[in-house]
Amino acid sequence: MNPKSPQSAWVIFDLDGTIIHSEKIAMEAISDSVKELAPVQLQKLDPNFFNELVGRPFGHRFDEIIQKHQIKLSIKQFSEYVDHIYKKKLETNLPTIPGVETAIKELSKFFPLGLVSGSTHDQVLWALNKLNLTRYFKVIYGKEDYEKGKPAPDGFLKAIKTLNAIPTRTVIFEDSEAGIKSAKGAGAYVVAVKFGNDYGLNQSEAHQLIEDFNGLTGQKILNWLN
């Protein structure tokens, strides 16, 4: 692929809320963990707190949750507890954003694909393997694979470098405000996916908005970039 060709492009996906429709399930896992571990009078999480967690690295502000709700576990132990409940929920129901599996398979025929997530590398591979999508990605990064989490651009910058991509010829699919800011900070063309935006976060900073992945083609990727 000639990097100077108008036909060249690279595509990077987020995972939660972009490939899998999981943001609400992740918040349920955190909420259920607090209910099971906290004293009776402290078992309810503030619903507004969820807006602070969406799109951020897994474990973001867990220290505050543990302290506020008097949970007698370390951050590592609490994270493992939440992760167990989260995976258990997804074992029976791993919903995807409409059209995304077909889109990934089709786009991989024309463009190198990458994935950058705020979930752990193990969580990312677990989900992709369940969906049989792992083989379509040249680069897969979880939260421990780069220095600063979203909204910092570190993860996307690392993926762009590893793919030998050109930032301005890279399309990044995101759903969260933090993810959009991160992708824009990496210099990419950012497409926000509305379907997975369960908490009504601001997506207006993206270059493009789509409802879901139905009808997405390689030509549409090139049209956005050209």
Foldseek 3Di string as FASTA:
>chain_A
DDQPDLLAFEEEEEPDLAWWLCLVLLVVLLLVLLLVFAPPVQSGDDPVVSLVVPQWAQLVCVVVVCVSRVGPDDSVVSSVSSVVSSVVVVVVPTHTFPPPVVVLVQVLVRHAYEYEYSYQQVVVCVSCVVVVNVVSHPYYYYNVRFDHIFLAQTRVLVVCVVSVHDQLRYEYEDAAPRVQNNSVNSVHQYEHAPCSNPPPHDPPSHPYYDPTNPPDHSVVSSVSSD
